Protein backbone atom coordinates (compact mmCIF):
# COMPACT_ATOMS: atom_id res chain seq x y z
CA MET A 1 0.00 0.00 0.00
CA TYR A 2 2.78 2.46 0.91
CA ASN A 3 5.36 1.22 -1.62
CA THR A 4 4.46 3.73 -4.34
CA TYR A 5 4.22 6.55 -1.80
CA PHE A 6 7.81 6.02 -0.60
CA GLY A 7 9.18 4.86 -3.95
CA PHE A 8 9.82 1.22 -3.01
CA LYS A 9 10.06 -1.57 -5.56
CA GLU A 10 8.75 -3.95 -2.90
CA SER A 11 7.98 -3.99 0.79
CA PRO A 12 11.26 -3.48 2.67
CA PHE A 13 10.21 -5.10 5.95
CA SER A 14 8.67 -8.39 4.91
CA ILE A 15 9.35 -11.17 7.42
CA ALA A 16 9.96 -13.69 4.62
CA PRO A 17 13.54 -15.07 4.80
CA ASP A 18 14.76 -13.39 1.58
CA PRO A 19 18.60 -13.67 1.33
CA ARG A 20 18.74 -10.34 -0.56
CA TYR A 21 17.68 -8.61 2.63
CA LEU A 22 20.19 -10.38 4.86
CA PHE A 23 22.00 -7.63 6.76
CA MET A 24 25.53 -8.87 7.34
CA THR A 25 26.51 -7.72 10.80
CA ASP A 26 29.84 -8.98 12.10
CA GLN A 27 28.10 -11.87 13.83
CA HIS A 28 26.00 -12.80 10.77
CA ARG A 29 29.17 -12.76 8.69
CA ASP A 30 30.83 -15.03 11.25
CA ALA A 31 27.77 -17.29 11.33
CA LEU A 32 27.78 -17.68 7.56
CA ALA A 33 31.53 -18.29 7.58
CA HIS A 34 31.09 -21.06 10.16
CA LEU A 35 28.30 -22.64 8.13
CA VAL A 36 30.28 -22.48 4.88
CA TYR A 37 33.31 -23.95 6.63
CA GLY A 38 31.21 -26.77 8.03
CA LEU A 39 29.57 -27.33 4.66
CA ASN A 40 32.93 -27.72 2.97
CA SER A 41 34.30 -30.04 5.64
CA GLU A 42 34.01 -33.80 5.44
CA GLY A 43 30.47 -34.16 6.74
CA GLY A 44 29.06 -34.10 10.25
CA CYS A 45 26.59 -31.62 11.75
CA ILE A 46 26.48 -27.82 11.64
CA LEU A 47 24.58 -26.05 14.43
CA LEU A 48 23.10 -22.54 14.24
CA THR A 49 21.11 -21.28 17.23
CA GLY A 50 19.54 -17.97 18.18
CA GLU A 51 16.47 -16.31 19.64
CA VAL A 52 13.23 -16.26 17.67
CA GLY A 53 13.54 -13.86 14.75
CA THR A 54 17.32 -13.26 14.85
CA GLY A 55 17.78 -14.41 11.25
CA LYS A 56 18.69 -18.10 11.47
CA THR A 57 16.52 -19.15 8.54
CA THR A 58 17.64 -16.20 6.43
CA VAL A 59 21.31 -17.02 7.03
CA CYS A 60 20.55 -20.61 6.09
CA ARG A 61 18.85 -19.50 2.86
CA CYS A 62 21.91 -17.41 2.05
CA LEU A 63 24.05 -20.48 2.65
CA LEU A 64 21.90 -22.53 0.27
CA GLU A 65 22.61 -20.03 -2.49
CA GLN A 66 26.31 -20.90 -2.17
CA ILE A 67 25.84 -24.66 -2.34
CA PRO A 68 26.93 -26.06 -5.74
CA GLU A 69 24.10 -26.65 -8.19
CA ARG A 70 24.76 -30.41 -8.30
CA SER A 71 23.57 -30.81 -4.73
CA ASN A 72 20.61 -32.56 -3.14
CA ILE A 73 18.76 -30.57 -0.45
CA ALA A 74 16.25 -31.94 2.05
CA LEU A 75 14.38 -29.39 4.17
CA VAL A 76 12.52 -30.42 7.33
CA PHE A 77 10.53 -27.52 8.83
CA ASN A 78 8.23 -29.60 11.05
CA PRO A 79 10.42 -31.62 13.41
CA LYS A 80 7.51 -32.65 15.66
CA VAL A 81 7.61 -36.10 14.14
CA THR A 82 8.64 -39.58 15.18
CA ALA A 83 11.95 -41.09 14.09
CA THR A 84 10.21 -43.12 11.40
CA GLU A 85 8.28 -40.08 10.14
CA LEU A 86 11.53 -38.10 9.98
CA LEU A 87 13.13 -40.72 7.75
CA ALA A 88 10.04 -40.81 5.54
CA THR A 89 10.14 -37.01 5.23
CA ILE A 90 13.82 -37.13 4.21
CA CYS A 91 13.00 -39.70 1.56
CA ASP A 92 10.17 -37.51 0.26
CA GLU A 93 12.42 -34.44 0.11
CA LEU A 94 15.18 -36.30 -1.77
CA GLY A 95 12.79 -38.13 -4.08
CA ILE A 96 13.72 -41.57 -2.72
CA ASP A 97 11.19 -44.32 -3.43
CA TYR A 98 10.07 -46.59 -0.60
CA PRO A 99 7.35 -49.23 -0.24
CA GLU A 100 3.85 -48.04 0.56
CA GLY A 101 2.34 -48.78 3.91
CA SER A 102 4.08 -49.26 7.24
CA ASN A 103 7.87 -49.44 6.97
CA SER A 104 10.59 -50.08 9.51
CA VAL A 105 13.45 -47.71 10.30
CA LYS A 106 15.81 -50.16 8.56
CA THR A 107 13.84 -49.92 5.32
CA TYR A 108 14.19 -46.14 5.21
CA ILE A 109 17.85 -46.19 6.27
CA ASP A 110 18.75 -48.72 3.56
CA ARG A 111 17.03 -46.62 0.88
CA ILE A 112 18.67 -43.39 2.10
CA ASN A 113 22.10 -45.03 2.26
CA ALA A 114 21.79 -46.37 -1.29
CA PHE A 115 20.80 -42.91 -2.53
CA LEU A 116 23.73 -41.24 -0.73
CA LEU A 117 26.25 -43.72 -2.15
CA GLN A 118 24.95 -43.13 -5.66
CA ALA A 119 25.03 -39.34 -5.20
CA ASN A 120 28.57 -39.47 -3.81
CA ALA A 121 29.74 -41.55 -6.78
CA ALA A 122 28.27 -38.88 -9.08
CA GLY A 123 30.15 -36.12 -7.21
CA GLN A 124 27.00 -34.69 -5.64
CA LYS A 125 26.67 -33.29 -2.12
CA THR A 126 23.59 -34.09 -0.06
CA VAL A 127 22.46 -31.65 2.64
CA LEU A 128 19.74 -32.15 5.26
CA ILE A 129 18.42 -28.99 6.97
CA ILE A 130 16.40 -29.30 10.19
CA ASP A 131 14.63 -26.13 11.38
CA GLU A 132 13.14 -25.57 14.87
CA ALA A 133 15.14 -28.55 16.11
CA GLN A 134 14.48 -27.64 19.76
CA ASN A 135 11.06 -29.26 19.25
CA MET A 136 12.53 -32.66 18.37
CA ASP A 137 12.11 -35.59 20.71
CA HIS A 138 15.27 -37.19 22.12
CA THR A 139 14.65 -40.37 20.14
CA VAL A 140 14.41 -38.33 16.93
CA LEU A 141 17.64 -36.50 17.75
CA GLU A 142 19.28 -39.87 18.32
CA GLN A 143 18.09 -41.02 14.90
CA LEU A 144 19.60 -37.86 13.46
CA ARG A 145 22.93 -38.83 15.00
CA LEU A 146 22.73 -42.29 13.46
CA LEU A 147 22.34 -40.69 10.02
CA THR A 148 25.81 -39.17 10.45
CA ASN A 149 27.20 -42.71 10.52
CA LEU A 150 26.41 -43.12 6.83
CA GLU A 151 29.85 -42.73 5.27
CA THR A 152 32.54 -44.08 3.00
CA ASN A 153 36.18 -44.57 3.90
CA GLN A 154 36.88 -40.99 2.78
CA ARG A 155 33.92 -38.87 3.87
CA LYS A 156 30.51 -38.58 5.45
CA LEU A 157 27.72 -39.01 2.95
CA LEU A 158 25.23 -36.63 4.55
CA GLN A 159 25.78 -33.05 5.70
CA ILE A 160 23.27 -32.01 8.39
CA ILE A 161 22.48 -28.37 9.28
CA ILE A 162 20.53 -27.96 12.53
CA LEU A 163 18.70 -24.70 13.32
CA GLY A 164 17.15 -24.06 16.69
CA GLN A 165 16.34 -21.71 19.54
CA PRO A 166 18.64 -21.33 22.59
CA GLU A 167 16.94 -24.15 24.49
CA LEU A 168 18.43 -26.55 21.93
CA LEU A 169 21.83 -25.82 23.48
CA ASP A 170 20.49 -27.04 26.84
CA ILE A 171 19.19 -30.20 25.21
CA LEU A 172 22.52 -30.96 23.54
CA ALA A 173 24.34 -30.33 26.82
CA GLN A 174 22.55 -33.25 28.45
CA GLU A 175 24.55 -36.39 29.12
CA ASN A 176 22.44 -38.60 26.87
CA MET A 177 22.97 -36.18 23.96
CA ARG A 178 26.77 -36.09 24.15
CA GLN A 179 27.24 -38.36 21.14
CA LEU A 180 25.23 -36.02 18.89
CA ALA A 181 27.00 -32.97 20.35
CA GLN A 182 30.35 -34.54 19.46
CA ARG A 183 29.24 -34.86 15.83
CA ILE A 184 28.86 -31.07 15.51
CA THR A 185 31.82 -29.75 13.50
CA ALA A 186 30.77 -26.07 13.41
CA ARG A 187 28.42 -24.10 15.61
CA PHE A 188 27.34 -20.48 16.04
CA HIS A 189 24.83 -18.61 18.23
CA LEU A 190 23.13 -15.52 16.77
CA LYS A 191 22.47 -12.66 19.18
CA PRO A 192 20.05 -9.73 18.72
CA LEU A 193 21.21 -6.58 16.92
CA SER A 194 22.94 -3.88 18.94
CA ARG A 195 21.60 -0.34 19.23
CA PHE A 196 24.11 0.85 16.61
CA GLU A 197 23.41 -2.01 14.19
CA ILE A 198 19.68 -1.26 14.03
CA LYS A 199 20.18 1.97 12.09
CA ALA A 200 22.38 0.24 9.52
CA TYR A 201 19.89 -2.65 9.38
CA ILE A 202 17.01 -0.30 8.56
CA SER A 203 19.08 1.59 5.96
CA HIS A 204 20.09 -1.69 4.32
CA ARG A 205 16.54 -2.97 3.93
CA LEU A 206 15.31 0.40 2.65
CA ALA A 207 18.12 0.47 0.08
CA VAL A 208 17.38 -3.06 -1.17
CA ALA A 209 13.73 -2.06 -1.58
CA GLY A 210 14.77 0.96 -3.65
CA SER A 211 15.10 3.91 -1.25
CA ASN A 212 18.36 5.61 -0.29
CA ILE A 213 16.70 7.96 2.19
CA GLN A 214 16.60 7.25 5.92
CA LEU A 215 12.87 7.26 6.63
CA PHE A 216 13.11 6.79 10.42
CA ASP A 217 14.31 9.72 12.52
CA GLU A 218 16.79 9.31 15.38
CA LYS A 219 14.26 9.28 18.22
CA ALA A 220 12.14 6.72 16.40
CA GLN A 221 15.17 4.46 15.95
CA GLN A 222 16.11 4.73 19.63
CA LYS A 223 12.57 3.80 20.62
CA LEU A 224 12.61 0.94 18.13
CA TYR A 225 15.63 -0.57 19.88
CA GLN A 226 13.87 -0.36 23.25
CA LEU A 227 10.75 -2.03 21.89
CA SER A 228 12.36 -4.74 19.76
CA LYS A 229 15.36 -5.57 21.97
CA GLY A 230 17.28 -5.94 18.70
CA ILE A 231 15.20 -8.86 17.33
CA PRO A 232 15.05 -8.38 13.51
CA ARG A 233 11.62 -9.97 13.11
CA ILE A 234 10.07 -7.58 15.63
CA ILE A 235 11.92 -4.67 13.99
CA ASN A 236 10.40 -5.66 10.64
CA ILE A 237 6.87 -5.91 12.00
CA ILE A 238 7.01 -2.55 13.79
CA CYS A 239 8.72 -0.77 10.86
CA ASP A 240 6.17 -2.13 8.40
CA ARG A 241 3.30 -0.85 10.53
CA ALA A 242 5.07 2.48 11.13
CA LEU A 243 5.58 3.10 7.38
CA LEU A 244 1.90 2.36 6.86
CA GLY A 245 1.09 4.91 9.58
CA ALA A 246 3.35 7.54 7.99
CA TYR A 247 1.62 6.93 4.66
CA VAL A 248 -1.85 7.28 6.17
CA GLU A 249 -0.83 10.50 7.95
CA ASN A 250 0.88 11.83 4.80
CA LYS A 251 4.28 12.13 6.52
CA ALA A 252 7.65 12.06 4.75
CA ARG A 253 9.34 10.15 7.57
CA VAL A 254 8.49 8.00 10.57
CA ASP A 255 8.75 10.08 13.72
CA LEU A 256 8.54 9.01 17.36
CA GLN A 257 4.79 9.56 17.57
CA THR A 258 4.12 7.40 14.51
CA LEU A 259 6.40 4.65 15.78
CA ASN A 260 4.70 4.59 19.18
CA LYS A 261 1.31 4.23 17.50
CA ALA A 262 2.64 1.40 15.36
CA ALA A 263 4.11 -0.40 18.38
CA LYS A 264 0.81 -0.05 20.23
CA GLU A 265 -0.98 -1.71 17.34
CA VAL A 266 1.65 -4.47 17.05
CA PHE A 267 1.85 -5.34 20.74
CA GLY A 268 -1.81 -4.61 21.47
CA GLU A 269 -3.47 -2.83 24.34
CA GLN A 270 -3.58 -5.96 26.48
CA GLN A 271 0.16 -6.54 26.36
CA GLN A 272 0.82 -2.89 27.15
CA SER A 273 -1.53 -3.20 30.14
CA LYS A 274 0.23 -6.36 31.36
CA ARG A 275 3.57 -4.60 31.25
CA LYS A 276 2.19 -1.76 33.36
CA GLN A 277 0.69 -4.19 35.86
CA ALA A 278 3.99 -6.02 36.10
CA GLN A 279 5.60 -2.76 37.19
CA TRP A 280 3.35 -2.35 40.27
CA PRO A 281 5.35 -4.77 42.49
CA ALA A 282 8.45 -2.74 41.72
CA TYR A 283 6.63 0.48 42.56
CA PHE A 284 5.41 -0.98 45.87
CA SER A 285 8.94 -2.18 46.69
CA ALA A 286 10.38 1.21 45.89
CA ALA A 287 7.71 2.94 47.97
CA ALA A 288 8.37 0.61 50.91
CA GLY A 289 12.08 1.30 50.65
CA ILE A 290 11.52 5.06 50.61
CA ALA A 291 9.22 4.80 53.61
CA ALA A 292 11.81 2.78 55.53
CA VAL A 293 14.56 5.27 54.75
CA THR A 294 12.29 8.15 55.76
CA ALA A 295 11.43 6.50 59.06
CA LEU A 296 15.08 5.77 59.77
CA THR A 297 16.08 9.33 58.96
CA PHE A 298 13.35 10.71 61.26
CA ALA A 299 14.54 8.45 64.09
CA LEU A 300 18.11 9.64 63.59
CA ILE A 301 17.02 13.25 63.69
CA GLN A 302 15.42 12.58 67.06
CA SER A 303 18.53 10.84 68.39
CA ASN A 304 21.04 12.50 70.72
CA VAL A 305 23.88 11.51 68.41
CA LEU A 306 22.49 13.58 65.57
CA LYS A 307 21.62 16.45 67.89
CA SER A 308 25.20 16.42 69.17
CA PHE A 309 26.39 16.31 65.56
CA ALA A 310 24.29 19.38 64.70
CA ALA A 311 25.52 21.25 67.75
CA ASN A 312 29.15 20.62 66.83
CA VAL A 313 28.49 21.77 63.28
CA SER A 314 26.91 24.95 64.67
CA THR A 315 29.98 25.65 66.78
CA LEU A 316 32.36 24.95 63.91
CA LEU A 317 30.57 26.78 61.12
CA GLY A 318 28.78 29.54 62.98
CA THR A 319 26.16 31.08 60.74
CA GLN A 320 25.74 27.83 58.78
CA GLN A 321 24.21 26.11 61.85
CA GLN A 322 20.63 26.23 60.69
CA THR A 323 21.35 25.13 57.12
CA ILE A 324 23.44 22.08 58.02
CA ALA A 325 21.28 21.10 60.99
CA THR A 326 18.22 20.93 58.79
CA THR A 327 20.00 18.87 56.10
CA PRO A 328 21.67 16.10 58.08
CA VAL A 329 20.83 13.39 55.56
CA VAL A 330 23.15 14.90 52.95
CA THR A 331 26.03 14.96 55.41
CA MET A 332 25.36 11.43 56.58
CA GLU A 333 25.30 10.13 52.95
CA ARG A 334 28.55 11.84 52.07
CA GLU A 335 30.41 10.85 55.20
CA PRO A 336 28.80 7.86 56.96
CA GLU A 337 31.79 7.59 59.29
CA VAL A 338 30.48 10.61 61.28
CA GLU A 339 28.61 8.11 63.45
CA VAL A 340 31.44 8.60 65.91
CA LYS A 341 32.24 5.93 68.49
CA ALA A 342 34.75 8.05 70.41
CA VAL A 343 33.45 11.50 71.43
CA PRO A 344 36.85 13.32 71.55
CA VAL A 345 37.35 12.95 67.78
CA ALA A 346 33.84 14.01 66.85
CA ASP A 347 34.90 17.56 65.93
CA GLU A 348 37.65 16.21 63.68
CA ALA A 349 35.11 13.98 61.97
CA ILE A 350 32.75 16.95 61.48
CA ALA A 351 35.56 19.10 60.14
CA SER A 352 36.54 16.31 57.79
CA ALA A 353 32.94 16.01 56.66
CA ALA A 354 32.72 19.74 56.01
CA VAL A 355 35.96 19.73 53.98
CA THR A 356 34.78 16.68 52.04
CA ILE A 357 31.51 18.38 51.17
CA GLU A 358 33.28 21.51 50.00
CA THR A 359 35.87 19.56 48.01
CA THR A 360 33.23 17.36 46.43
CA GLN A 361 31.13 20.35 45.45
CA GLN A 362 34.21 21.98 43.96
CA ALA A 363 35.05 18.81 42.06
CA GLU A 364 31.50 18.59 40.74
CA THR A 365 31.69 22.19 39.58
CA GLU A 366 35.00 21.52 37.82
CA THR A 367 33.54 18.40 36.21
CA GLU A 368 30.52 20.34 34.96
CA THR A 369 32.84 22.98 33.52
CA THR A 370 34.99 20.35 31.84
CA ASP A 371 31.94 18.60 30.44
CA SER A 372 30.62 21.82 29.01
CA ILE A 373 33.96 22.45 27.30
CA GLU A 374 33.94 18.95 25.83
CA VAL A 375 30.37 19.34 24.58
CA SER A 376 31.26 22.67 23.05
CA THR A 377 34.30 21.18 21.33
CA ALA A 378 32.26 18.24 20.02
CA SER A 379 29.57 20.62 18.81
CA ASP A 380 32.16 22.71 16.96
CA THR A 381 33.55 19.59 15.30
CA VAL A 382 30.11 18.51 14.08
CA SER A 383 29.46 22.02 12.81
CA ASP A 384 32.76 22.04 10.91
CA PHE A 385 31.93 18.59 9.51
CA TYR A 386 28.50 19.76 8.34
CA ASP A 387 29.94 22.88 6.71
CA LEU A 388 32.66 20.89 4.95
CA ILE A 389 30.22 18.33 3.56
CA PHE A 390 27.13 20.33 2.66
CA SER A 391 28.34 23.91 2.08
CA ASN A 392 29.12 23.17 -1.58
CA ALA A 393 27.10 20.03 -2.20
CA LEU A 394 26.40 20.67 -5.90
CA ASP A 395 30.08 20.43 -6.89
CA SER A 396 31.00 17.86 -4.27
CA LYS A 397 30.76 14.81 -6.54
CA ILE A 398 33.32 16.06 -9.05
CA GLN A 399 35.66 17.11 -6.24
CA ALA A 400 35.28 13.81 -4.38
CA TYR A 401 36.23 11.71 -7.41
CA ALA A 402 39.12 14.03 -8.18
CA ASP A 403 40.31 13.54 -4.59
CA LEU A 404 39.94 9.76 -4.92
CA LEU A 405 42.02 9.64 -8.08
CA ASP A 406 44.59 11.93 -6.44
CA VAL A 407 44.99 9.41 -3.60
CA TRP A 408 45.85 6.87 -6.31
CA ASN A 409 48.37 9.37 -7.75
CA ARG A 410 46.31 9.96 -10.87
CA ASP A 411 45.85 13.46 -12.30
CA TYR A 412 42.21 13.86 -13.20
CA ASP A 413 40.87 16.82 -15.14
CA PRO A 414 37.05 16.70 -15.01
CA SER A 415 36.78 19.33 -17.74
CA ASN A 416 38.05 16.79 -20.30
CA ASP A 417 35.76 13.93 -19.27
CA GLY A 418 33.10 14.32 -16.64
CA ASN A 419 33.02 10.58 -15.90
CA ALA A 420 35.78 9.78 -13.42
CA CYS A 421 35.24 6.01 -13.70
CA ASN A 422 35.79 6.12 -17.47
CA PHE A 423 39.00 8.03 -16.84
CA ALA A 424 40.09 5.44 -14.26
CA LYS A 425 39.61 2.59 -16.75
CA LEU A 426 42.13 4.19 -19.10
CA ASP A 427 44.71 3.82 -16.34
CA GLY A 428 43.95 0.23 -15.38
CA LEU A 429 41.62 1.02 -12.46
CA SER A 430 37.97 0.20 -12.05
CA CYS A 431 35.17 1.71 -9.96
CA LEU A 432 33.33 -0.52 -7.50
CA HIS A 433 29.91 0.81 -6.44
CA ARG A 434 28.45 -0.88 -3.38
CA GLN A 435 25.98 -0.55 -0.50
CA GLY A 436 27.42 -1.53 2.86
CA ASN A 437 28.61 -0.18 6.20
CA LEU A 438 31.85 0.95 7.83
CA ARG A 439 32.67 -2.66 8.63
CA SER A 440 32.55 -3.43 4.88
CA LEU A 441 34.93 -0.58 4.14
CA ALA A 442 37.26 -1.60 6.96
CA ILE A 443 37.55 -5.09 5.44
CA LEU A 444 38.24 -3.79 1.93
CA ASN A 445 40.63 -1.18 3.38
CA ARG A 446 40.44 1.28 0.48
CA PRO A 447 39.74 5.02 0.32
CA ALA A 448 36.19 5.54 -0.89
CA VAL A 449 33.77 8.22 -2.03
CA LEU A 450 30.81 8.34 0.37
CA LYS A 451 27.38 9.66 -0.53
CA LEU A 452 25.92 11.53 2.45
CA TYR A 453 22.53 13.14 3.05
CA ASP A 454 21.58 16.21 5.10
CA GLU A 455 18.37 16.59 7.12
CA GLN A 456 16.47 17.63 3.98
CA HIS A 457 17.74 14.51 2.17
CA ASN A 458 19.99 16.51 -0.17
CA PRO A 459 23.02 14.46 -1.24
CA ALA A 460 26.69 15.40 -1.02
CA PHE A 461 29.91 13.51 -1.73
CA ILE A 462 33.23 13.32 0.08
CA ILE A 463 36.19 10.95 0.25
CA LEU A 464 36.98 8.79 3.27
CA THR A 465 40.78 8.50 3.68
CA TYR A 466 41.21 6.96 7.14
CA LEU A 467 39.12 4.73 9.38
CA ASN A 468 39.42 2.99 12.74
CA ASP A 469 36.88 1.70 15.25
CA THR A 470 35.83 5.14 16.50
CA GLU A 471 37.17 7.77 14.10
CA ALA A 472 37.08 8.62 10.40
CA THR A 473 39.04 11.16 8.36
CA LEU A 474 37.27 12.91 5.49
CA ARG A 475 38.87 15.06 2.80
CA ARG A 476 37.67 17.68 0.36
CA GLY A 477 40.44 19.22 -1.73
CA ASP A 478 43.09 20.41 0.71
CA GLU A 479 40.76 20.33 3.71
CA THR A 480 40.45 17.35 6.05
CA ILE A 481 38.45 16.74 9.19
CA ASN A 482 38.41 13.97 11.80
CA ILE A 483 34.95 12.92 12.93
CA SER A 484 33.55 10.16 15.11
CA THR A 485 32.06 7.20 13.26
CA ASP A 486 28.80 7.73 15.18
CA VAL A 487 28.41 11.20 13.66
CA LEU A 488 29.35 9.95 10.20
CA ASN A 489 26.71 7.21 10.36
CA GLN A 490 24.02 9.83 11.02
CA TYR A 491 24.49 11.17 7.49
CA TRP A 492 25.72 8.09 5.58
CA LEU A 493 23.28 5.39 4.45
CA GLY A 494 25.89 2.97 3.12
CA GLU A 495 26.51 4.04 -0.50
CA TYR A 496 30.16 4.14 -1.50
CA THR A 497 32.47 3.92 -4.51
CA LEU A 498 36.10 2.83 -4.42
CA LEU A 499 38.82 2.12 -6.97
CA TRP A 500 40.56 -1.20 -7.41
CA GLN A 501 43.26 -2.62 -9.64
CA LYS A 502 41.99 -5.34 -11.97
CA PRO A 503 44.32 -8.32 -12.42
CA PRO A 504 45.54 -9.20 -15.92
CA TYR A 505 43.09 -11.12 -18.12
CA TYR A 506 40.16 -10.16 -15.86
CA ASN A 507 36.72 -10.01 -17.45
CA ALA A 508 34.53 -11.80 -14.87
CA ALA A 509 34.68 -13.43 -11.46
CA ILE A 510 36.38 -16.82 -11.15
CA GLN A 511 33.95 -19.60 -10.28
CA PRO A 512 34.23 -23.40 -10.11
CA GLY A 513 34.94 -24.64 -13.61
CA SER A 514 36.48 -21.35 -14.84
CA GLN A 515 39.48 -21.79 -17.13
CA GLY A 516 42.20 -19.67 -18.68
CA PRO A 517 45.18 -17.45 -17.85
CA LEU A 518 43.32 -15.61 -15.04
CA VAL A 519 43.07 -18.90 -13.12
CA GLN A 520 46.82 -19.45 -13.63
CA TRP A 521 47.47 -15.91 -12.36
CA LEU A 522 45.38 -16.61 -9.25
CA ASP A 523 47.30 -19.84 -8.68
CA GLN A 524 50.60 -17.95 -8.80
CA GLN A 525 49.41 -15.34 -6.30
CA LEU A 526 48.36 -18.04 -3.83
CA VAL A 527 51.84 -19.53 -4.14
CA ARG A 528 53.29 -16.12 -3.22
CA ILE A 529 50.97 -15.84 -0.21
CA TYR A 530 51.10 -19.36 1.18
CA GLY A 531 54.48 -20.51 -0.13
CA GLN A 532 55.08 -24.21 0.40
CA ASN A 533 51.63 -24.59 1.96
CA HIS A 534 50.10 -24.11 -1.49
CA VAL A 535 50.74 -26.73 -4.15
CA PRO A 536 50.12 -25.12 -7.56
CA THR A 537 47.84 -26.87 -10.01
CA ILE A 538 49.25 -28.10 -13.32
CA HIS A 539 46.04 -27.12 -15.11
CA ASP A 540 44.39 -23.76 -15.85
CA THR A 541 41.06 -24.90 -14.38
CA TYR A 542 39.63 -23.53 -11.17
CA ASN A 543 39.32 -26.84 -9.38
CA GLU A 544 38.35 -27.84 -5.84
CA LYS A 545 41.95 -27.62 -4.61
CA LEU A 546 42.26 -23.98 -5.66
CA ARG A 547 38.79 -23.21 -4.32
CA SER A 548 39.69 -24.54 -0.88
CA GLN A 549 42.73 -22.23 -0.77
CA VAL A 550 40.58 -19.27 -1.83
CA ILE A 551 38.05 -20.07 0.94
CA LYS A 552 40.93 -20.21 3.41
CA PHE A 553 42.09 -16.77 2.23
CA GLN A 554 38.55 -15.32 2.34
CA LEU A 555 38.02 -16.57 5.88
CA SER A 556 41.30 -15.02 7.02
CA LYS A 557 40.23 -11.63 5.62
CA GLY A 558 36.65 -11.52 6.90
CA LEU A 559 34.98 -12.08 3.52
CA ILE A 560 32.09 -14.42 2.90
CA PRO A 561 33.94 -17.67 2.15
CA ASP A 562 32.01 -18.62 -0.99
CA GLY A 563 35.02 -19.60 -3.07
CA VAL A 564 34.04 -17.15 -5.82
CA VAL A 565 36.92 -14.82 -6.73
CA GLY A 566 35.28 -11.49 -7.48
CA PRO A 567 36.25 -7.83 -6.92
CA HIS A 568 36.33 -8.06 -3.10
CA THR A 569 38.68 -11.04 -3.12
CA PHE A 570 40.89 -9.49 -5.81
CA ILE A 571 41.08 -6.26 -3.78
CA LEU A 572 42.36 -8.11 -0.72
CA LEU A 573 44.75 -10.18 -2.83
CA ASN A 574 46.20 -6.89 -4.07
CA SER A 575 46.49 -5.67 -0.48
CA GLU A 576 48.40 -8.81 0.42
CA LEU A 577 50.80 -8.56 -2.51
CA GLU A 578 51.19 -4.87 -3.43
CA LEU A 579 52.87 -2.27 -1.22
CA ASN A 580 51.94 0.87 -3.18
CA THR A 581 48.16 0.49 -2.92
CA PRO A 582 46.42 3.26 -0.91
CA MET A 583 44.86 1.96 2.28
CA LEU A 584 42.37 3.21 4.86
CA ASN A 585 44.42 2.05 7.86
CA THR A 586 47.17 4.62 7.28
CA ARG A 587 46.68 8.36 7.27
CA LYS A 588 47.10 9.20 3.59
CA GLY A 589 45.54 11.88 1.47
């Protein structure tokens, strides 16, 4: 309904597990790497767990896209079955014939084993995926373990991927499940998104759907984190309802008010009421505590000790007698040791208390002053950043690409050819346009042109020349500015362009079965990187041996280990082998 209004090609917050919408946080990248590693190992079980809605199924779908075409996949999404029913389901998924009527476990196992042997002989991989495995009975889990015993002398015949909620970890930790747990060759637990990842997550899904504008303001995003606790499925449901609300109210963005309305509709009045009722015990406890403290304080005020304390303060501080005597609780909280056991040192304790109060107040004043200076400095930095980026936004694109080529020591004159990427091709470079996050750029480690947006959604371009965990350096012409990554992310939605050096003979990514001189070039580079640990192939075909070395390299560099040698892998190969390539992890430009 709201897609046309916001310019979407499709709904950005569907809860369907579409791999295109998989937002690769660091942990999702690690999860996929673990799954790919397990998938390329010699059989066994792969375990992926996480809370409801954290993206387990979506990660699994992404993994399936990387499985070779000549593979057999069996999906079991209803594990509330008996052991015999599970085997029958596997046969149905793999297209294995079995006699009609009641069959024994042995009948199914024999048929499955025969199929797996035939598939293995044909060079095919067979993968069984079990979803919601926490619902499986112990006897069914035991049958799953027995399936891992189907093997040849060289390898396991069946690769099993198990998806489940956190309680599955408790099940596998039980003593009678230890044999299945020992079969697990790779495991990963997905956690909810962090507060900082939610903004990037929203931007990613909006971009995939066709919008490069951040449609949720800052307050709405903060509230979204509180409501969703970082669970992607809940984020999707609330965001979908919030966009519908913004459409109905004819708003350009989702503000806090619209998000609150959407959350109220999603969670329902009853759930909101239950949450309020659940707070009453805490309120009563807090009230009881306050009452107890009040009663204790009143009793102390009536005591001779406190009266003596007030009298001593009056003597010591003169005109301040009435003020301090009427505020004994503050003094007692700051210096509880004034409950003096020996009367002769009472005045010293009071004097110490008075000095402590004065010193503390002075320290607080100094802290407030320091804080105000820091806030002022931070505010000035943000103001300078904003002026640098958006003061001349119309010409910023030409300048940014000129700066990028300058970092690569190329002289670019935009008056001759307005297309910087065409100019770069003439000098052996190529532009790479991508949508990602700062983590993506940190992995690729290349200066990049960023496309930023101001509060009115007007675009501007600038080059990123340095990046670490907390700070980024931006450059326009001869001007540079250091800014926190948090501030940068407020204006950047993930669009970037970088330059990379194509290898000789390059015209497409290397995939299994690719042949030619580019494969030989790749083989030679792996020899340079791994030395004696890499045995070069005598052919020019991208075979399984080369692919396994590429996956090893990709894993070591934080890339998705898919074995496909595309621009990202070539970029990091260049980083490993070339010393004159501009990097983000050194202050250049």
